[in-house]
Structures are given as structure tokens and as C-alpha cells.
Amino acid sequence: MSLRRGMIFALGCVLLVSAAQLGLRWSMSRLPLPGQWLIEPIDPDALAVVLVAIFTYALSMACWLAALRDLPLGRAYSLLSISYALVYLLAAAVPMFHEGFSLSKSLGVVLVILGVITINSRPAHGPGLRSAP
């Protein structure tokens, strides 16, 4: 088990899933509702971003599987919480998403980050591979 490799894959998963979320948010604000796809014109750029975001989700799942190989589940899963904070911060900071900062949301992000730091501040002692009984 390589904790460093696991952390790299887990953080890669966080970045990829965050990018996918932001891409879907951007594109879905430009596409008609699914029931109206045959009636209204579809923005090809927005549709392309949806497809790229789906592919990005698939890549994030591959990173997640690789991270689970090397990290204890509790540590790996806590790292996924960073994506909630990252998506909120980027959506609020980038004007095209039309999201706003709020004190309560920002406090929630701080608490999430503090929780991730708390969980990951102790040395990880993941179980080795178990042999079948």
C-alpha cells in the first residue's frame, strides 16, 4: 500500500468530479429541459460539455478505484468532501455560474475542511491484504 499514491489518486478524483459538476452546471443552464429537446434548438457547445463532463466522471471513478486500493476507506471518503467545498468556492467565485457567497455556506465549507484535516491528520494504518481463511 502506498499512502502517497492513494492520496494523489483521491485528490485527482476530487479535481475531476469537481470539474464535471461545474461543467454540468454550465451546460445545463444553456440546454432546454429534456422533454423539450425535440422542440427547442440544442446548443452544440453545451451538449459537448455534457459529454466531456460524463467522461470526466468516468475518469474520476477510475481515480477513486485506484485510491481505494491504497487508502483506508475512512480517509479516502473524507477526501471526497473537498469536492463539495471546491465546487461551492469555484461556483461562487466565477461570475458565469451566478452563485453567491453566503456566511452560512462559507462556514459550512470551513467545517468540512476542518473535518477532512481532522480525519487525515493522524497517521493512516490501513489493513494489509488479508488472506482468505
Protein backbone atom coordinates (compact mmCIF):
# COMPACT_ATOMS: atom_id res chain seq x y z
CA MET A 1 0.00 0.00 0.00
CA SER A 2 1.28 3.43 -0.92
CA LEU A 3 -0.47 6.19 1.00
CA ARG A 4 1.12 8.86 -1.17
CA ARG A 5 -0.15 7.25 -4.37
CA GLY A 6 -3.58 6.81 -2.80
CA MET A 7 -3.72 10.48 -1.79
CA ILE A 8 -2.72 11.55 -5.29
CA PHE A 9 -5.47 9.44 -6.85
CA ALA A 10 -8.03 10.63 -4.27
CA LEU A 11 -7.18 14.28 -4.93
CA GLY A 12 -7.27 13.60 -8.67
CA CYS A 13 -10.75 12.20 -8.17
CA VAL A 14 -11.75 15.36 -6.27
CA LEU A 15 -10.49 17.62 -9.06
CA LEU A 16 -12.13 15.57 -11.81
CA VAL A 17 -15.52 15.26 -10.10
CA SER A 18 -15.47 18.99 -9.28
CA ALA A 19 -14.72 19.87 -12.90
CA ALA A 20 -17.52 17.56 -14.03
CA GLN A 21 -20.01 19.20 -11.66
CA LEU A 22 -19.10 22.68 -12.83
CA GLY A 23 -19.23 21.60 -16.46
CA LEU A 24 -22.68 20.09 -16.00
CA ARG A 25 -23.90 23.21 -14.21
CA TRP A 26 -22.66 25.43 -17.02
CA SER A 27 -24.10 23.29 -19.80
CA MET A 28 -27.46 22.51 -18.20
CA SER A 29 -28.14 26.23 -17.79
CA ARG A 30 -27.82 26.50 -21.58
CA LEU A 31 -29.82 23.45 -22.64
CA PRO A 32 -33.61 23.11 -22.76
CA LEU A 33 -35.33 20.69 -20.41
CA PRO A 34 -35.02 17.07 -21.61
CA GLY A 35 -38.71 16.95 -22.58
CA GLN A 36 -38.15 19.87 -24.95
CA TRP A 37 -35.04 18.59 -26.72
CA LEU A 38 -37.02 17.66 -29.84
CA ILE A 39 -38.77 21.04 -29.92
CA GLU A 40 -36.16 23.64 -28.98
CA PRO A 41 -32.72 24.07 -30.54
CA ILE A 42 -29.84 22.47 -28.66
CA ASP A 43 -26.61 24.40 -28.12
CA PRO A 44 -23.90 22.10 -29.52
CA ASP A 45 -21.26 23.59 -27.20
CA ALA A 46 -23.37 22.85 -24.14
CA LEU A 47 -24.05 19.32 -25.35
CA ALA A 48 -20.33 18.78 -25.92
CA VAL A 49 -19.60 19.95 -22.36
CA VAL A 50 -22.18 17.47 -21.02
CA LEU A 51 -20.43 14.64 -22.86
CA VAL A 52 -17.00 15.76 -21.63
CA ALA A 53 -18.36 16.01 -18.08
CA ILE A 54 -19.71 12.45 -18.26
CA PHE A 55 -16.30 11.26 -19.47
CA THR A 56 -14.68 13.25 -16.66
CA TYR A 57 -16.93 11.46 -14.15
CA ALA A 58 -15.75 8.14 -15.57
CA LEU A 59 -12.12 9.22 -15.13
CA SER A 60 -12.86 10.31 -11.58
CA MET A 61 -14.30 6.86 -10.86
CA ALA A 62 -11.10 5.25 -12.14
CA CYS A 63 -9.09 7.52 -9.82
CA TRP A 64 -11.43 6.64 -6.95
CA LEU A 65 -10.92 2.92 -7.51
CA ALA A 66 -7.16 3.41 -7.59
CA ALA A 67 -7.32 5.47 -4.39
CA LEU A 68 -9.32 2.78 -2.61
CA ARG A 69 -6.56 0.33 -3.35
CA ASP A 70 -4.10 2.31 -1.26
CA LEU A 71 -6.10 4.29 1.31
CA PRO A 72 -8.28 3.23 4.21
CA LEU A 73 -11.91 3.88 3.28
CA GLY A 74 -12.49 6.44 6.05
CA ARG A 75 -9.57 8.55 4.93
CA ALA A 76 -10.38 8.25 1.23
CA TYR A 77 -14.05 9.04 1.70
CA SER A 78 -13.32 12.10 3.80
CA LEU A 79 -11.19 13.48 0.97
CA LEU A 80 -14.20 13.38 -1.36
CA SER A 81 -15.76 16.07 0.83
CA ILE A 82 -13.22 18.51 -0.53
CA SER A 83 -15.13 18.46 -3.81
CA TYR A 84 -18.19 19.99 -2.09
CA ALA A 85 -16.09 22.86 -0.84
CA LEU A 86 -14.24 23.25 -4.14
CA VAL A 87 -17.42 23.32 -6.22
CA TYR A 88 -19.03 25.87 -3.91
CA LEU A 89 -15.98 28.13 -3.89
CA LEU A 90 -15.47 28.00 -7.66
CA ALA A 91 -19.17 28.44 -8.44
CA ALA A 92 -19.33 31.46 -6.15
CA ALA A 93 -16.05 32.95 -7.40
CA VAL A 94 -16.66 32.58 -11.16
CA PRO A 95 -19.31 35.06 -12.33
CA MET A 96 -20.72 32.88 -15.13
CA PHE A 97 -22.23 30.48 -12.56
CA HIS A 98 -24.31 33.25 -10.92
CA GLU A 99 -23.79 31.78 -7.45
CA GLY A 100 -23.19 33.94 -4.44
CA PHE A 101 -21.14 33.68 -1.28
CA SER A 102 -23.03 33.46 1.97
CA LEU A 103 -21.80 33.36 5.53
CA SER A 104 -23.61 30.12 6.35
CA LYS A 105 -22.32 28.30 3.24
CA SER A 106 -18.80 29.57 3.83
CA LEU A 107 -18.96 28.41 7.45
CA GLY A 108 -20.12 25.00 6.24
CA VAL A 109 -17.15 24.82 3.86
CA VAL A 110 -14.78 25.70 6.72
CA LEU A 111 -16.30 22.95 8.86
CA VAL A 112 -15.97 20.42 6.05
CA ILE A 113 -12.31 21.32 5.52
CA LEU A 114 -11.64 21.16 9.28
CA GLY A 115 -13.26 17.73 9.34
CA VAL A 116 -11.09 16.49 6.48
CA ILE A 117 -7.98 17.84 8.21
CA THR A 118 -9.01 16.20 11.48
CA ILE A 119 -9.61 12.81 9.87
CA ASN A 120 -6.40 12.94 7.86
CA SER A 121 -4.09 14.43 10.50
CA ARG A 122 -3.38 11.11 12.17
CA PRO A 123 -1.13 8.54 10.52
CA ALA A 124 -3.10 6.08 8.43
CA HIS A 125 -2.82 2.45 9.33
CA GLY A 126 -4.82 0.69 6.69
CA PRO A 127 -5.27 -3.04 6.84
CA GLY A 128 -2.97 -5.01 4.64
CA LEU A 129 -4.26 -7.54 2.22
CA ARG A 130 -5.98 -10.30 4.09
CA SER A 131 -5.54 -13.86 3.16
CA ALA A 132 -8.63 -15.98 2.85
CA PRO A 133 -9.35 -18.18 5.90
